[in-house]
C-alpha atoms as a PDB file:
ATOM      1  CA  UNK A   1      -0.182   5.120  -0.222  1.00  0.00           C
ATOM      2  CA  UNK A   2      -0.256   8.994  -0.039  1.00  0.00           C
ATOM      3  CA  UNK A   3       3.262   9.611   0.139  1.00  0.00           C
ATOM      4  CA  UNK A   4       3.635   6.804  -2.806  1.00  0.00           C
ATOM      5  CA  UNK A   5       1.703   9.214  -5.315  1.00  0.00           C
ATOM      6  CA  UNK A   6       3.819  12.083  -4.229  1.00  0.00           C
ATOM      7  CA  UNK A   7       6.452  10.406  -4.107  1.00  0.00           C
ATOM      8  CA  UNK A   8       7.226  11.435  -1.074  1.00  0.00           C
ATOM      9  CA  UNK A   9       9.762   8.975   1.887  1.00  0.00           C
ATOM     10  CA  UNK A  10       8.093   5.525   3.508  1.00  0.00           C
ATOM     11  CA  UNK A  11       8.988   4.671   7.044  1.00  0.00           C
ATOM     12  CA  UNK A  12       8.620   0.357   6.593  1.00  0.00           C
ATOM     13  CA  UNK A  13       6.120   0.035   9.153  1.00  0.00           C
ATOM     14  CA  UNK A  14       4.273   2.944   8.974  1.00  0.00           C
ATOM     15  CA  UNK A  15       0.709   1.686   8.777  1.00  0.00           C
ATOM     16  CA  UNK A  16       1.584  -1.826   9.372  1.00  0.00           C
ATOM     17  CA  UNK A  17      -0.204  -4.108  12.160  1.00  0.00           C
ATOM     18  CA  UNK A  18       2.199  -6.613  13.667  1.00  0.00           C
ATOM     19  CA  UNK A  19       0.161  -9.580  14.292  1.00  0.00           C
ATOM     20  CA  UNK A  20       1.417 -12.089  17.374  1.00  0.00           C
ATOM     21  CA  UNK A  21       1.379 -14.711  15.256  1.00  0.00           C
ATOM     22  CA  UNK A  22       3.731 -13.233  13.072  1.00  0.00           C
ATOM     23  CA  UNK A  23       1.092 -11.858  10.383  1.00  0.00           C
ATOM     24  CA  UNK A  24       1.645  -7.975   9.216  1.00  0.00           C
ATOM     25  CA  UNK A  25      -1.371  -6.297   7.882  1.00  0.00           C
ATOM     26  CA  UNK A  26      -2.353  -2.905   6.475  1.00  0.00           C
ATOM     27  CA  UNK A  27      -5.814  -2.379   7.411  1.00  0.00           C
ATOM     28  CA  UNK A  28      -8.175  -0.382   5.411  1.00  0.00           C
ATOM     29  CA  UNK A  29      -9.123   2.970   6.384  1.00  0.00           C
ATOM     30  CA  UNK A  30     -11.797   5.475   5.046  1.00  0.00           C
ATOM     31  CA  UNK A  31      -8.454   7.777   2.991  1.00  0.00           C
ATOM     32  CA  UNK A  32      -8.112   4.790   1.030  1.00  0.00           C
ATOM     33  CA  UNK A  33     -11.885   5.037  -0.410  1.00  0.00           C
ATOM     34  CA  UNK A  34     -10.595   8.781  -2.057  1.00  0.00           C
ATOM     35  CA  UNK A  35      -7.433   6.731  -3.203  1.00  0.00           C
ATOM     36  CA  UNK A  36      -9.074   6.936  -6.914  1.00  0.00           C
ATOM     37  CA  UNK A  37      -9.933   9.543  -6.600  1.00  0.00           C
ATOM     38  CA  UNK A  38      -6.729  10.654  -6.287  1.00  0.00           C
ATOM     39  CA  UNK A  39      -5.284   8.327  -8.350  1.00  0.00           C
ATOM     40  CA  UNK A  40      -7.165   9.885 -11.435  1.00  0.00           C
ATOM     41  CA  UNK A  41      -4.359  12.442 -12.453  1.00  0.00           C
ATOM     42  CA  UNK A  42      -1.525  10.468 -11.870  1.00  0.00           C
ATOM     43  CA  UNK A  43       1.148   9.792 -13.915  1.00  0.00           C
ATOM     44  CA  UNK A  44       1.869   5.676 -14.264  1.00  0.00           C
ATOM     45  CA  UNK A  45      -0.763   5.408 -12.242  1.00  0.00           C
ATOM     46  CA  UNK A  46      -0.485   2.001 -12.421  1.00  0.00           C
ATOM     47  CA  UNK A  47       2.280   1.411 -10.922  1.00  0.00           C
ATOM     48  CA  UNK A  48       1.381   3.213  -7.534  1.00  0.00           C
ATOM     49  CA  UNK A  49       1.232  -0.003  -5.912  1.00  0.00           C
ATOM     50  CA  UNK A  50       3.654  -1.685  -7.484  1.00  0.00           C
ATOM     51  CA  UNK A  51       6.376   1.032  -6.376  1.00  0.00           C
ATOM     52  CA  UNK A  52       5.273   0.040  -2.630  1.00  0.00           C
ATOM     53  CA  UNK A  53       5.078  -3.394  -3.299  1.00  0.00           C
ATOM     54  CA  UNK A  54       8.598  -3.250  -4.678  1.00  0.00           C
ATOM     55  CA  UNK A  55      10.301  -0.922  -1.576  1.00  0.00           C
ATOM     56  CA  UNK A  56       8.717  -3.787   1.040  1.00  0.00           C
ATOM     57  CA  UNK A  57       9.103  -7.238  -0.652  1.00  0.00           C
ATOM     58  CA  UNK A  58      12.440  -7.956   0.579  1.00  0.00           C
ATOM     59  CA  UNK A  59      10.922  -8.111   4.256  1.00  0.00           C
ATOM     60  CA  UNK A  60       8.287 -10.849   3.889  1.00  0.00           C
ATOM     61  CA  UNK A  61       7.909 -14.304   1.534  1.00  0.00           C
ATOM     62  CA  UNK A  62       4.589 -13.620   0.446  1.00  0.00           C
ATOM     63  CA  UNK A  63       2.357 -10.724  -0.019  1.00  0.00           C
ATOM     64  CA  UNK A  64      -1.395 -10.887  -0.053  1.00  0.00           C
ATOM     65  CA  UNK A  65      -3.611  -8.343  -1.646  1.00  0.00           C
ATOM     66  CA  UNK A  66      -7.610  -8.466  -0.329  1.00  0.00           C
ATOM     67  CA  UNK A  67      -9.644  -6.611  -2.619  1.00  0.00           C
ATOM     68  CA  UNK A  68     -13.164  -6.273  -3.957  1.00  0.00           C
ATOM     69  CA  UNK A  69     -14.546  -8.354  -6.399  1.00  0.00           C
ATOM     70  CA  UNK A  70     -16.343  -7.516  -8.944  1.00  0.00           C
END
């Protein structure tokens, strides 16, 4: 997500783990913990995730986003 925030090019397979049963996922990591803080000063921060999903949407039938409840 740091590359998306900084408007850098994204490798389509970067950070994506491919499971043998045909499910791809991007695991959480410690860097995501600071993402909210990093986004505070970013213009149009509400569109950062949308930008990444738009980039990847043609490669998948479904995209599920798991997030904390509350």
